[in-house]
Structure formats: structure tokens, C-alpha cells
Amino acid sequence: MNAPIKTAMGAREWAMLIALSILWGGSFLFVGVAVKELPPLTITVMRLGLAALALATVMRVIGIDMPRQPHVWVAFLCMGLLNNALPFTLIAWGISHVPSGVASIFNATTPLFGVLVAHAWTSDEKITPGRLAGVIVGFAGLIVMMGGGLLRGLGVEGIAQAAFLTAAVLYAIATVYGRRFKAMGVEPLATAVGMLTASTIMLVPIMLIVDRPWTLTAPSLAGTASVVGLALLATALGFILYFRILAVAGATNLLLVTFLIPVSAIALGATLLGEHLESKHFAGMALIGLGLATIDGRPLAATRRLVSGSRRALS
């Protein structure tokens, strides 16, 4: 029998969530460096293939066997498409046109879509009035970031923003879809390896046709290091944490990691890539953050306890 989802996370779950946010925040920096030298599809295939190889090696060392059932591999293919192949490529392409920090802020909208997807597709993560209010506030932040650009027409920046939003929707669907692997009895590490392997197999033929990698100039040491860091840290180690949190804390709690990602992504982008964001981006991020805090509910509950305690102390 599967252990119940912990809707209220403890210290261990929060520690894993923060570690994951740092790894995935760094992924935007790695992509921002790599995309200056390599095409998005090539970056994505190298990221997925190296990560799959690294995790498969870990599996072999610790003695975990890969499942062989056809229905499990069909699920791997679906998860790989939703959570890797499509969103990774869309984000890599988008970062070639706008700052990586902007991409991380748009990525933070994932929980907004996740609340709606989880409500529609799960029985234990239904929407509440508080979560609905958080979704509304969060989407207001999205409008603040995109509103002016939409009025002026789509353009390259608008298309990049649409790519980031599409990736966010795919991540939300994938996070809820990924819950089935626990019900199938598939180990989190095996799930990560199967998903990464399946998505690599899907993208390699397309990459060979579109990018013709044998014609590309070899990347610099910085470009190579960025792809390796993207594969081994942000992807391989990141997905180990991802599936562990998903198994114990649920889809909606896991999606809160995107609230923390922009902090590290913006700091790294400004420090190492010289990126500068506009005031509308920070205003939008503030509203999205407020929406995520409302969805989570714990900051509001903690504030109420603090106020209640202060009143009792004064009385």
C-alpha cells in the first residue's frame, strides 16, 4: 500500500525542495552560456543523454533493475515528452532571445497551471478558495510581465515568452502525470532513467536532421562545462530529488520549487552573464510570488499564528 501524500511538508521535504531550486536555478545559467555556442536541440539531446547515462550508472552500482513491462515504457515515453523533450527545447530556444532570468520567472508560473491540472486529474489535490485566489493573483503577475508586449504585437520576445509559458504548462501536466510511477511500483531513480532515455531516443533523429551536429564548431571549455553541469547537476541530480519529493509531498507542493528558482537564476544571470531585468519583470515576479504563497497557505497561517500570539501576549 502506498504511503499517503504529505500535504504539509516537514524540514526534510523543505530541505530537498530548496536544494532542487538551487540546481534548477543554475540550469538557466548553464543554458544561457551553452546556447551562445550550440543549437537548442543539440543542447537538449546532450543534456538528456549524459544525464541518462550518469543515472543508469548509479542504478547499476546500487543494484536497481530497470522495469521491462511495455506499459511502463509507454509511460516513460509520455513523461519524457512532457517533462523533458518539449520543455527543455522550448526553454533553450527562448533563452537564445531573452535573458535567462526572464525564463526563470515565467517558469515560476508552473504551479499556477499545476493547481488547475491537479484539481482536474487527481482526487487528493483539489482546488480550494485559497489556492484559487493564489492562481488569480499569480496570473495577474503574468499579465504585468506580458501586457505591454502583447499590445505591441507578438515579435521574437513575445514568441519566446509563449515558449516559456508552453513549457510551464507541460511541466504542470508532467508533474501530475508522474504520480503514476509510484502506483506502478517504479523506483524514482528508475523513473528518471527511463524518462531521460526515452526523451533522448525521441530527439536524436530530429537533432541529426535539423542541427547536423557534424557541421558545428566545437564548443569552448565554458560551453562544454555548461552542458556537463546542465546534465549532471541540474538534470541527473535534480531529477533524483524531483521524484523523491513528488512521491512524498505531492504534485502541488513540488511545484512550489519554481517560487525559489528565480532568486538563484536572476542572481547568477546578473553576476555571470551581465543580464539586467526590467521593472515589469520584478513586479510580475512579486505578484507571482504572492500568488504562490497564497496557494501554499503556510505563510498566511504562520502570520495568523504570529498575530494571535502577539495579541495573547498583550492581553
C-alpha atoms as a PDB file:
ATOM      1  CA  MET A   1       0.000   0.000   0.000  1.00  0.00           C
ATOM      2  CA  ASN A   2       1.360   3.450  -0.960  1.00  0.00           C
ATOM      3  CA  ALA A   3       2.116   5.948   1.801  1.00  0.00           C
ATOM      4  CA  PRO A   4      -0.223   8.954   1.780  1.00  0.00           C
ATOM      5  CA  ILE A   5       0.899  12.255   0.290  1.00  0.00           C
ATOM      6  CA  LYS A   6       2.147  14.718   2.938  1.00  0.00           C
ATOM      7  CA  THR A   7       0.310  17.944   2.102  1.00  0.00           C
ATOM      8  CA  ALA A   8       2.171  19.744   4.926  1.00  0.00           C
ATOM      9  CA  MET A   9       5.889  19.353   4.299  1.00  0.00           C
ATOM     10  CA  GLY A  10       8.389  18.823   7.108  1.00  0.00           C
ATOM     11  CA  ALA A  11      12.002  20.022   7.421  1.00  0.00           C
ATOM     12  CA  ARG A  12      13.330  17.164   5.284  1.00  0.00           C
ATOM     13  CA  GLU A  13      10.956  17.880   2.405  1.00  0.00           C
ATOM     14  CA  TRP A  14      11.718  21.612   2.543  1.00  0.00           C
ATOM     15  CA  ALA A  15      15.472  20.914   2.512  1.00  0.00           C
ATOM     16  CA  MET A  16      15.094  18.784  -0.621  1.00  0.00           C
ATOM     17  CA  LEU A  17      12.927  21.471  -2.207  1.00  0.00           C
ATOM     18  CA  ILE A  18      15.494  24.217  -1.573  1.00  0.00           C
ATOM     19  CA  ALA A  19      18.335  22.053  -2.902  1.00  0.00           C
ATOM     20  CA  LEU A  20      16.323  21.334  -6.040  1.00  0.00           C
ATOM     21  CA  SER A  21      15.602  25.045  -6.538  1.00  0.00           C
ATOM     22  CA  ILE A  22      19.331  25.823  -6.488  1.00  0.00           C
ATOM     23  CA  LEU A  23      20.102  23.092  -9.005  1.00  0.00           C
ATOM     24  CA  TRP A  24      17.310  24.112 -11.351  1.00  0.00           C
ATOM     25  CA  GLY A  25      18.044  27.823 -10.912  1.00  0.00           C
ATOM     26  CA  GLY A  26      21.565  27.083 -12.085  1.00  0.00           C
ATOM     27  CA  SER A  27      20.176  25.321 -15.156  1.00  0.00           C
ATOM     28  CA  PHE A  28      19.115  28.670 -16.633  1.00  0.00           C
ATOM     29  CA  LEU A  29      22.703  29.930 -16.291  1.00  0.00           C
ATOM     30  CA  PHE A  30      24.082  26.767 -17.917  1.00  0.00           C
ATOM     31  CA  VAL A  31      21.658  27.078 -20.835  1.00  0.00           C
ATOM     32  CA  GLY A  32      22.408  30.804 -21.154  1.00  0.00           C
ATOM     33  CA  VAL A  33      26.104  30.014 -21.629  1.00  0.00           C
ATOM     34  CA  ALA A  34      25.679  26.939 -23.840  1.00  0.00           C
ATOM     35  CA  VAL A  35      23.116  28.458 -26.201  1.00  0.00           C
ATOM     36  CA  LYS A  36      25.681  31.030 -27.360  1.00  0.00           C
ATOM     37  CA  GLU A  37      27.668  28.215 -28.945  1.00  0.00           C
ATOM     38  CA  LEU A  38      25.269  25.331 -29.633  1.00  0.00           C
ATOM     39  CA  PRO A  39      21.734  24.994 -31.084  1.00  0.00           C
ATOM     40  CA  PRO A  40      18.866  24.333 -28.630  1.00  0.00           C
ATOM     41  CA  LEU A  41      18.160  20.786 -29.870  1.00  0.00           C
ATOM     42  CA  THR A  42      21.800  19.758 -29.587  1.00  0.00           C
ATOM     43  CA  ILE A  43      21.999  21.159 -26.059  1.00  0.00           C
ATOM     44  CA  THR A  44      18.837  19.281 -25.073  1.00  0.00           C
ATOM     45  CA  VAL A  45      19.996  15.953 -26.519  1.00  0.00           C
ATOM     46  CA  MET A  46      23.410  16.219 -24.854  1.00  0.00           C
ATOM     47  CA  ARG A  47      21.762  17.199 -21.580  1.00  0.00           C
ATOM     48  CA  LEU A  48      19.345  14.280 -21.651  1.00  0.00           C
ATOM     49  CA  GLY A  49      21.807  11.673 -22.922  1.00  0.00           C
ATOM     50  CA  LEU A  50      24.563  12.479 -20.412  1.00  0.00           C
ATOM     51  CA  ALA A  51      22.079  12.612 -17.546  1.00  0.00           C
ATOM     52  CA  ALA A  52      20.540   9.272 -18.549  1.00  0.00           C
ATOM     53  CA  LEU A  53      23.990   7.666 -18.742  1.00  0.00           C
ATOM     54  CA  ALA A  54      25.016   9.048 -15.339  1.00  0.00           C
ATOM     55  CA  LEU A  55      21.845   7.885 -13.600  1.00  0.00           C
ATOM     56  CA  ALA A  56      21.943   4.474 -15.298  1.00  0.00           C
ATOM     57  CA  THR A  57      25.468   4.044 -13.905  1.00  0.00           C
ATOM     58  CA  VAL A  58      24.242   4.933 -10.414  1.00  0.00           C
ATOM     59  CA  MET A  59      21.391   2.435 -10.781  1.00  0.00           C
ATOM     60  CA  ARG A  60      23.808  -0.325 -11.742  1.00  0.00           C
ATOM     61  CA  VAL A  61      26.097   0.426  -8.802  1.00  0.00           C
ATOM     62  CA  ILE A  62      23.311   0.312  -6.207  1.00  0.00           C
ATOM     63  CA  GLY A  63      21.596  -2.687  -7.812  1.00  0.00           C
ATOM     64  CA  ILE A  64      18.280  -1.281  -9.058  1.00  0.00           C
ATOM     65  CA  ASP A  65      16.849  -3.015 -12.131  1.00  0.00           C
ATOM     66  CA  MET A  66      15.045  -1.184 -14.909  1.00  0.00           C
ATOM     67  CA  PRO A  67      11.428  -2.268 -15.435  1.00  0.00           C
ATOM     68  CA  ARG A  68      10.763  -4.127 -18.665  1.00  0.00           C
ATOM     69  CA  GLN A  69       6.964  -4.013 -18.858  1.00  0.00           C
ATOM     70  CA  PRO A  70       5.739  -2.367 -22.098  1.00  0.00           C
ATOM     71  CA  HIS A  71       3.125  -0.225 -20.328  1.00  0.00           C
ATOM     72  CA  VAL A  72       5.816   1.253 -18.073  1.00  0.00           C
ATOM     73  CA  TRP A  73       7.945   2.229 -21.071  1.00  0.00           C
ATOM     74  CA  VAL A  74       4.940   3.801 -22.759  1.00  0.00           C
ATOM     75  CA  ALA A  75       4.579   5.898 -19.604  1.00  0.00           C
ATOM     76  CA  PHE A  76       8.301   6.764 -19.787  1.00  0.00           C
ATOM     77  CA  LEU A  77       7.837   7.970 -23.356  1.00  0.00           C
ATOM     78  CA  CYS A  78       4.886  10.168 -22.391  1.00  0.00           C
ATOM     79  CA  MET A  79       6.699  11.560 -19.340  1.00  0.00           C
ATOM     80  CA  GLY A  80       9.856  12.175 -21.355  1.00  0.00           C
ATOM     81  CA  LEU A  81       7.927  14.114 -23.983  1.00  0.00           C
ATOM     82  CA  LEU A  82       6.042  16.224 -21.433  1.00  0.00           C
ATOM     83  CA  ASN A  83       8.806  16.827 -18.912  1.00  0.00           C
ATOM     84  CA  ASN A  84      11.993  16.807 -20.997  1.00  0.00           C
ATOM     85  CA  ALA A  85      11.954  16.773 -24.782  1.00  0.00           C
ATOM     86  CA  LEU A  86       9.468  19.580 -25.402  1.00  0.00           C
ATOM     87  CA  PRO A  87      10.006  21.963 -22.447  1.00  0.00           C
ATOM     88  CA  PHE A  88      13.826  21.701 -22.434  1.00  0.00           C
ATOM     89  CA  THR A  89      13.953  22.552 -26.144  1.00  0.00           C
ATOM     90  CA  LEU A  90      11.456  25.410 -25.810  1.00  0.00           C
ATOM     91  CA  ILE A  91      13.358  26.955 -22.887  1.00  0.00           C
ATOM     92  CA  ALA A  92      16.742  26.615 -24.593  1.00  0.00           C
ATOM     93  CA  TRP A  93      15.372  28.310 -27.707  1.00  0.00           C
ATOM     94  CA  GLY A  94      13.695  31.063 -25.695  1.00  0.00           C
ATOM     95  CA  ILE A  95      16.862  31.839 -23.710  1.00  0.00           C
ATOM     96  CA  SER A  96      18.657  32.451 -27.008  1.00  0.00           C
ATOM     97  CA  HIS A  97      16.405  35.522 -27.411  1.00  0.00           C
ATOM     98  CA  VAL A  98      15.684  36.858 -23.899  1.00  0.00           C
ATOM     99  CA  PRO A  99      17.595  36.872 -20.560  1.00  0.00           C
ATOM    100  CA  SER A 100      17.713  33.610 -18.626  1.00  0.00           C
ATOM    101  CA  GLY A 101      16.290  35.391 -15.563  1.00  0.00           C
ATOM    102  CA  VAL A 102      13.120  36.173 -17.506  1.00  0.00           C
ATOM    103  CA  ALA A 103      12.810  32.496 -18.404  1.00  0.00           C
ATOM    104  CA  SER A 104      13.039  31.543 -14.729  1.00  0.00           C
ATOM    105  CA  ILE A 105      10.245  33.960 -13.809  1.00  0.00           C
ATOM    106  CA  PHE A 106       7.949  32.533 -16.465  1.00  0.00           C
ATOM    107  CA  ASN A 107       8.901  29.081 -15.228  1.00  0.00           C
ATOM    108  CA  ALA A 108       7.551  30.151 -11.824  1.00  0.00           C
ATOM    109  CA  THR A 109       4.045  30.145 -13.299  1.00  0.00           C
ATOM    110  CA  THR A 110       4.147  26.332 -13.387  1.00  0.00           C
ATOM    111  CA  PRO A 111       2.365  25.966 -10.001  1.00  0.00           C
ATOM    112  CA  LEU A 112      -0.461  28.193 -11.221  1.00  0.00           C
ATOM    113  CA  PHE A 113      -1.169  25.752 -14.020  1.00  0.00           C
ATOM    114  CA  GLY A 114      -0.345  22.868 -11.691  1.00  0.00           C
ATOM    115  CA  VAL A 115      -3.160  23.756  -9.290  1.00  0.00           C
ATOM    116  CA  LEU A 116      -5.661  23.610 -12.151  1.00  0.00           C
ATOM    117  CA  VAL A 117      -4.239  20.385 -13.606  1.00  0.00           C
ATOM    118  CA  ALA A 118      -4.080  18.685 -10.192  1.00  0.00           C
ATOM    119  CA  HIS A 119      -7.686  19.683  -9.478  1.00  0.00           C
ATOM    120  CA  ALA A 120      -8.858  18.191 -12.771  1.00  0.00           C
ATOM    121  CA  TRP A 121      -6.791  14.990 -12.698  1.00  0.00           C
ATOM    122  CA  THR A 122      -6.330  13.989  -9.054  1.00  0.00           C
ATOM    123  CA  SER A 123      -8.628  13.081  -6.191  1.00  0.00           C
ATOM    124  CA  ASP A 124      -6.467  14.318  -3.297  1.00  0.00           C
ATOM    125  CA  GLU A 125      -5.242  17.723  -4.525  1.00  0.00           C
ATOM    126  CA  LYS A 126      -8.476  19.576  -5.242  1.00  0.00           C
ATOM    127  CA  ILE A 127      -8.540  23.336  -5.547  1.00  0.00           C
ATOM    128  CA  THR A 128      -9.557  25.395  -2.517  1.00  0.00           C
ATOM    129  CA  PRO A 129     -10.697  29.044  -2.312  1.00  0.00           C
ATOM    130  CA  GLY A 130      -7.211  29.999  -1.099  1.00  0.00           C
ATOM    131  CA  ARG A 131      -5.480  28.232  -3.969  1.00  0.00           C
ATOM    132  CA  LEU A 132      -7.900  29.744  -6.467  1.00  0.00           C
ATOM    133  CA  ALA A 133      -7.122  33.213  -5.105  1.00  0.00           C
ATOM    134  CA  GLY A 134      -3.418  32.437  -5.460  1.00  0.00           C
ATOM    135  CA  VAL A 135      -3.896  31.412  -9.086  1.00  0.00           C
ATOM    136  CA  ILE A 136      -5.712  34.675  -9.839  1.00  0.00           C
ATOM    137  CA  VAL A 137      -3.012  36.804  -8.203  1.00  0.00           C
ATOM    138  CA  GLY A 138      -0.274  34.835  -9.953  1.00  0.00           C
ATOM    139  CA  PHE A 139      -1.858  35.268 -13.367  1.00  0.00           C
ATOM    140  CA  ALA A 140      -2.149  39.000 -12.641  1.00  0.00           C
ATOM    141  CA  GLY A 141       1.649  38.964 -12.299  1.00  0.00           C
ATOM    142  CA  LEU A 142       1.930  37.188 -15.621  1.00  0.00           C
ATOM    143  CA  ILE A 143      -0.213  39.883 -17.268  1.00  0.00           C
ATOM    144  CA  VAL A 144       2.005  42.592 -15.761  1.00  0.00           C
ATOM    145  CA  MET A 145       5.068  40.998 -17.378  1.00  0.00           C
ATOM    146  CA  MET A 146       3.463  40.339 -20.759  1.00  0.00           C
ATOM    147  CA  GLY A 147       0.762  43.002 -21.102  1.00  0.00           C
ATOM    148  CA  GLY A 148       2.728  45.758 -22.809  1.00  0.00           C
ATOM    149  CA  GLY A 149       4.470  43.371 -25.169  1.00  0.00           C
ATOM    150  CA  LEU A 150       1.185  41.784 -26.192  1.00  0.00           C
ATOM    151  CA  LEU A 151      -0.271  45.163 -27.065  1.00  0.00           C
ATOM    152  CA  ARG A 152       2.695  45.959 -29.309  1.00  0.00           C
ATOM    153  CA  GLY A 153       2.431  42.653 -31.158  1.00  0.00           C
ATOM    154  CA  LEU A 154       3.995  39.238 -30.718  1.00  0.00           C
ATOM    155  CA  GLY A 155       7.552  39.640 -32.066  1.00  0.00           C
ATOM    156  CA  VAL A 156      10.523  37.469 -31.140  1.00  0.00           C
ATOM    157  CA  GLU A 157      10.297  38.383 -27.449  1.00  0.00           C
ATOM    158  CA  GLY A 158       6.602  37.504 -27.379  1.00  0.00           C
ATOM    159  CA  ILE A 159       7.238  34.162 -29.084  1.00  0.00           C
ATOM    160  CA  ALA A 160       9.976  33.397 -26.533  1.00  0.00           C
ATOM    161  CA  GLN A 161       7.547  34.219 -23.715  1.00  0.00           C
ATOM    162  CA  ALA A 162       4.947  31.942 -25.299  1.00  0.00           C
ATOM    163  CA  ALA A 163       7.596  29.191 -25.439  1.00  0.00           C
ATOM    164  CA  PHE A 164       8.288  29.609 -21.717  1.00  0.00           C
ATOM    165  CA  LEU A 165       4.583  29.502 -20.888  1.00  0.00           C
ATOM    166  CA  THR A 166       4.082  26.389 -23.002  1.00  0.00           C
ATOM    167  CA  ALA A 167       6.954  24.751 -21.126  1.00  0.00           C
ATOM    168  CA  ALA A 168       5.334  25.728 -17.810  1.00  0.00           C
ATOM    169  CA  VAL A 169       2.046  24.103 -18.825  1.00  0.00           C
ATOM    170  CA  LEU A 170       3.882  20.949 -19.914  1.00  0.00           C
ATOM    171  CA  TYR A 171       5.766  20.804 -16.608  1.00  0.00           C
ATOM    172  CA  ALA A 172       2.480  21.111 -14.698  1.00  0.00           C
ATOM    173  CA  ILE A 173       0.888  18.274 -16.652  1.00  0.00           C
ATOM    174  CA  ALA A 174       4.021  16.127 -16.312  1.00  0.00           C
ATOM    175  CA  THR A 175       4.201  16.603 -12.551  1.00  0.00           C
ATOM    176  CA  VAL A 176       0.691  15.255 -12.091  1.00  0.00           C
ATOM    177  CA  TYR A 177       1.222  12.547 -14.730  1.00  0.00           C
ATOM    178  CA  GLY A 178       4.403  11.440 -12.926  1.00  0.00           C
ATOM    179  CA  ARG A 179       2.450  10.331  -9.865  1.00  0.00           C
ATOM    180  CA  ARG A 180       1.528   7.121 -11.678  1.00  0.00           C
ATOM    181  CA  PHE A 181       5.062   5.745 -11.384  1.00  0.00           C
ATOM    182  CA  LYS A 182       4.701   5.418  -7.627  1.00  0.00           C
ATOM    183  CA  ALA A 183       1.444   3.491  -8.147  1.00  0.00           C
ATOM    184  CA  MET A 184       3.259   1.255 -10.667  1.00  0.00           C
ATOM    185  CA  GLY A 185       5.920   0.487  -8.069  1.00  0.00           C
ATOM    186  CA  VAL A 186       8.720   2.041 -10.143  1.00  0.00           C
ATOM    187  CA  GLU A 187      11.679   3.370  -8.155  1.00  0.00           C
ATOM    188  CA  PRO A 188      12.205   7.155  -8.504  1.00  0.00           C
ATOM    189  CA  LEU A 189      15.706   6.613  -9.909  1.00  0.00           C
ATOM    190  CA  ALA A 190      14.416   4.123 -12.469  1.00  0.00           C
ATOM    191  CA  THR A 191      11.705   6.599 -13.425  1.00  0.00           C
ATOM    192  CA  ALA A 192      14.290   9.303 -14.048  1.00  0.00           C
ATOM    193  CA  VAL A 193      16.486   6.985 -16.151  1.00  0.00           C
ATOM    194  CA  GLY A 194      13.540   5.683 -18.180  1.00  0.00           C
ATOM    195  CA  MET A 195      12.164   9.169 -18.799  1.00  0.00           C
ATOM    196  CA  LEU A 196      15.541  10.630 -19.812  1.00  0.00           C
ATOM    197  CA  THR A 197      16.379   7.656 -22.033  1.00  0.00           C
ATOM    198  CA  ALA A 198      13.025   7.764 -23.776  1.00  0.00           C
ATOM    199  CA  SER A 199      13.234  11.507 -24.435  1.00  0.00           C
ATOM    200  CA  THR A 200      16.798  11.160 -25.762  1.00  0.00           C
ATOM    201  CA  ILE A 201      15.707   8.449 -28.191  1.00  0.00           C
ATOM    202  CA  MET A 202      12.859  10.667 -29.392  1.00  0.00           C
ATOM    203  CA  LEU A 203      15.032  13.724 -30.015  1.00  0.00           C
ATOM    204  CA  VAL A 204      18.214  12.243 -31.517  1.00  0.00           C
ATOM    205  CA  PRO A 205      16.799  11.709 -35.060  1.00  0.00           C
ATOM    206  CA  ILE A 206      15.267  15.197 -35.088  1.00  0.00           C
ATOM    207  CA  MET A 207      18.513  16.751 -33.856  1.00  0.00           C
ATOM    208  CA  LEU A 208      20.554  14.957 -36.517  1.00  0.00           C
ATOM    209  CA  ILE A 209      18.265  16.237 -39.273  1.00  0.00           C
ATOM    210  CA  VAL A 210      17.809  19.804 -38.012  1.00  0.00           C
ATOM    211  CA  ASP A 211      21.186  20.677 -36.426  1.00  0.00           C
ATOM    212  CA  ARG A 212      23.557  18.433 -38.432  1.00  0.00           C
ATOM    213  CA  PRO A 213      25.947  18.404 -35.452  1.00  0.00           C
ATOM    214  CA  TRP A 214      28.933  17.223 -37.513  1.00  0.00           C
ATOM    215  CA  THR A 215      28.908  20.662 -39.172  1.00  0.00           C
ATOM    216  CA  LEU A 216      29.003  22.619 -35.895  1.00  0.00           C
ATOM    217  CA  THR A 217      32.074  24.271 -34.419  1.00  0.00           C
ATOM    218  CA  ALA A 218      33.319  22.529 -31.291  1.00  0.00           C
ATOM    219  CA  PRO A 219      32.197  24.405 -28.159  1.00  0.00           C
ATOM    220  CA  SER A 220      34.658  26.191 -25.881  1.00  0.00           C
ATOM    221  CA  LEU A 221      35.641  24.919 -22.447  1.00  0.00           C
ATOM    222  CA  ALA A 222      32.956  27.140 -20.897  1.00  0.00           C
ATOM    223  CA  GLY A 223      30.315  25.828 -23.300  1.00  0.00           C
ATOM    224  CA  THR A 224      31.313  22.215 -22.668  1.00  0.00           C
ATOM    225  CA  ALA A 225      31.366  22.708 -18.891  1.00  0.00           C
ATOM    226  CA  SER A 226      27.910  24.309 -19.052  1.00  0.00           C
ATOM    227  CA  VAL A 227      26.435  21.311 -20.889  1.00  0.00           C
ATOM    228  CA  VAL A 228      28.069  18.882 -18.443  1.00  0.00           C
ATOM    229  CA  GLY A 229      26.805  20.884 -15.446  1.00  0.00           C
ATOM    230  CA  LEU A 230      23.367  21.061 -17.021  1.00  0.00           C
ATOM    231  CA  ALA A 231      23.317  17.277 -17.484  1.00  0.00           C
ATOM    232  CA  LEU A 232      24.891  16.034 -14.263  1.00  0.00           C
ATOM    233  CA  LEU A 233      23.785  18.636 -11.712  1.00  0.00           C
ATOM    234  CA  ALA A 234      20.598  20.295 -12.945  1.00  0.00           C
ATOM    235  CA  THR A 235      19.208  17.180 -14.627  1.00  0.00           C
ATOM    236  CA  ALA A 236      20.633  13.951 -13.158  1.00  0.00           C
ATOM    237  CA  LEU A 237      20.846  15.029  -9.523  1.00  0.00           C
ATOM    238  CA  GLY A 238      17.855  17.313  -9.938  1.00  0.00           C
ATOM    239  CA  PHE A 239      15.522  14.540 -11.053  1.00  0.00           C
ATOM    240  CA  ILE A 240      16.545  12.274  -8.202  1.00  0.00           C
ATOM    241  CA  LEU A 241      15.283  14.968  -5.840  1.00  0.00           C
ATOM    242  CA  TYR A 242      12.299  15.717  -8.098  1.00  0.00           C
ATOM    243  CA  PHE A 243      10.817  12.222  -7.970  1.00  0.00           C
ATOM    244  CA  ARG A 244      11.594  11.781  -4.281  1.00  0.00           C
ATOM    245  CA  ILE A 245       9.698  14.973  -3.391  1.00  0.00           C
ATOM    246  CA  LEU A 246       6.858  14.039  -5.749  1.00  0.00           C
ATOM    247  CA  ALA A 247       6.486  10.658  -4.041  1.00  0.00           C
ATOM    248  CA  VAL A 248       6.275  12.024  -0.502  1.00  0.00           C
ATOM    249  CA  ALA A 249       4.872  15.552  -0.821  1.00  0.00           C
ATOM    250  CA  GLY A 250       2.623  15.561  -3.902  1.00  0.00           C
ATOM    251  CA  ALA A 251       2.417  17.482  -7.157  1.00  0.00           C
ATOM    252  CA  THR A 252       1.267  20.844  -5.817  1.00  0.00           C
ATOM    253  CA  ASN A 253       3.956  21.015  -3.119  1.00  0.00           C
ATOM    254  CA  LEU A 254       6.651  20.011  -5.599  1.00  0.00           C
ATOM    255  CA  LEU A 255       5.660  22.768  -7.992  1.00  0.00           C
ATOM    256  CA  LEU A 256       6.459  25.346  -5.292  1.00  0.00           C
ATOM    257  CA  VAL A 257      10.120  24.818  -6.178  1.00  0.00           C
ATOM    258  CA  THR A 258       9.559  27.265  -9.026  1.00  0.00           C
ATOM    259  CA  PHE A 259       8.928  30.026  -6.459  1.00  0.00           C
ATOM    260  CA  LEU A 260      12.558  29.689  -5.327  1.00  0.00           C
ATOM    261  CA  ILE A 261      14.218  29.137  -8.707  1.00  0.00           C
ATOM    262  CA  PRO A 262      14.085  32.769  -9.991  1.00  0.00           C
ATOM    263  CA  VAL A 263      16.074  34.014  -6.995  1.00  0.00           C
ATOM    264  CA  SER A 264      19.157  31.956  -7.830  1.00  0.00           C
ATOM    265  CA  ALA A 265      18.630  32.197 -11.601  1.00  0.00           C
ATOM    266  CA  ILE A 266      18.413  36.005 -11.577  1.00  0.00           C
ATOM    267  CA  ALA A 267      21.404  36.336  -9.240  1.00  0.00           C
ATOM    268  CA  LEU A 268      23.542  34.028 -11.388  1.00  0.00           C
ATOM    269  CA  GLY A 269      22.428  35.653 -14.638  1.00  0.00           C
ATOM    270  CA  ALA A 270      23.204  39.162 -13.377  1.00  0.00           C
ATOM    271  CA  THR A 271      26.561  38.176 -11.855  1.00  0.00           C
ATOM    272  CA  LEU A 272      27.963  35.891 -14.554  1.00  0.00           C
ATOM    273  CA  LEU A 273      26.089  36.835 -17.739  1.00  0.00           C
ATOM    274  CA  GLY A 274      25.604  40.558 -17.122  1.00  0.00           C
ATOM    275  CA  GLU A 275      21.825  40.307 -17.561  1.00  0.00           C
ATOM    276  CA  HIS A 276      19.515  43.122 -16.475  1.00  0.00           C
ATOM    277  CA  LEU A 277      15.770  42.741 -15.968  1.00  0.00           C
ATOM    278  CA  GLU A 278      13.140  45.441 -16.341  1.00  0.00           C
ATOM    279  CA  SER A 279      10.925  46.729 -13.537  1.00  0.00           C
ATOM    280  CA  LYS A 280       7.922  44.912 -15.037  1.00  0.00           C
ATOM    281  CA  HIS A 281       9.725  41.608 -14.554  1.00  0.00           C
ATOM    282  CA  PHE A 282      10.308  42.246 -10.850  1.00  0.00           C
ATOM    283  CA  ALA A 283       6.726  43.490 -10.401  1.00  0.00           C
ATOM    284  CA  GLY A 284       5.400  40.401 -12.129  1.00  0.00           C
ATOM    285  CA  MET A 285       7.649  38.149 -10.060  1.00  0.00           C
ATOM    286  CA  ALA A 286       6.390  39.796  -6.861  1.00  0.00           C
ATOM    287  CA  LEU A 287       2.770  39.104  -7.814  1.00  0.00           C
ATOM    288  CA  ILE A 288       3.565  35.551  -8.888  1.00  0.00           C
ATOM    289  CA  GLY A 289       5.365  35.041  -5.582  1.00  0.00           C
ATOM    290  CA  LEU A 290       2.374  36.378  -3.676  1.00  0.00           C
ATOM    291  CA  GLY A 291       0.135  34.035  -5.622  1.00  0.00           C
ATOM    292  CA  LEU A 292       2.357  31.048  -4.842  1.00  0.00           C
ATOM    293  CA  ALA A 293       2.453  31.978  -1.165  1.00  0.00           C
ATOM    294  CA  THR A 294      -1.350  32.119  -1.192  1.00  0.00           C
ATOM    295  CA  ILE A 295      -1.534  28.730  -2.906  1.00  0.00           C
ATOM    296  CA  ASP A 296       0.832  27.232  -0.351  1.00  0.00           C
ATOM    297  CA  GLY A 297      -1.138  28.677   2.574  1.00  0.00           C
ATOM    298  CA  ARG A 298       1.634  28.218   5.126  1.00  0.00           C
ATOM    299  CA  PRO A 299       2.970  31.827   5.096  1.00  0.00           C
ATOM    300  CA  LEU A 300      -0.554  33.110   5.766  1.00  0.00           C
ATOM    301  CA  ALA A 301      -1.098  30.536   8.518  1.00  0.00           C
ATOM    302  CA  ALA A 302       2.240  31.442  10.128  1.00  0.00           C
ATOM    303  CA  THR A 303       1.315  35.141  10.032  1.00  0.00           C
ATOM    304  CA  ARG A 304      -2.016  34.414  11.684  1.00  0.00           C
ATOM    305  CA  ARG A 305      -0.301  32.412  14.425  1.00  0.00           C
ATOM    306  CA  LEU A 306       2.185  35.236  14.978  1.00  0.00           C
ATOM    307  CA  VAL A 307      -0.558  37.858  15.205  1.00  0.00           C
ATOM    308  CA  SER A 308      -2.622  35.642  17.507  1.00  0.00           C
ATOM    309  CA  GLY A 309       0.386  35.044  19.750  1.00  0.00           C
ATOM    310  CA  SER A 310       1.143  38.771  19.911  1.00  0.00           C
ATOM    311  CA  ARG A 311      -2.440  39.549  20.894  1.00  0.00           C
ATOM    312  CA  ARG A 312      -2.374  36.951  23.664  1.00  0.00           C
ATOM    313  CA  ALA A 313       0.924  38.356  24.961  1.00  0.00           C
ATOM    314  CA  LEU A 314      -0.520  41.867  25.086  1.00  0.00           C
ATOM    315  CA  SER A 315      -3.778  40.843  26.752  1.00  0.00           C
END
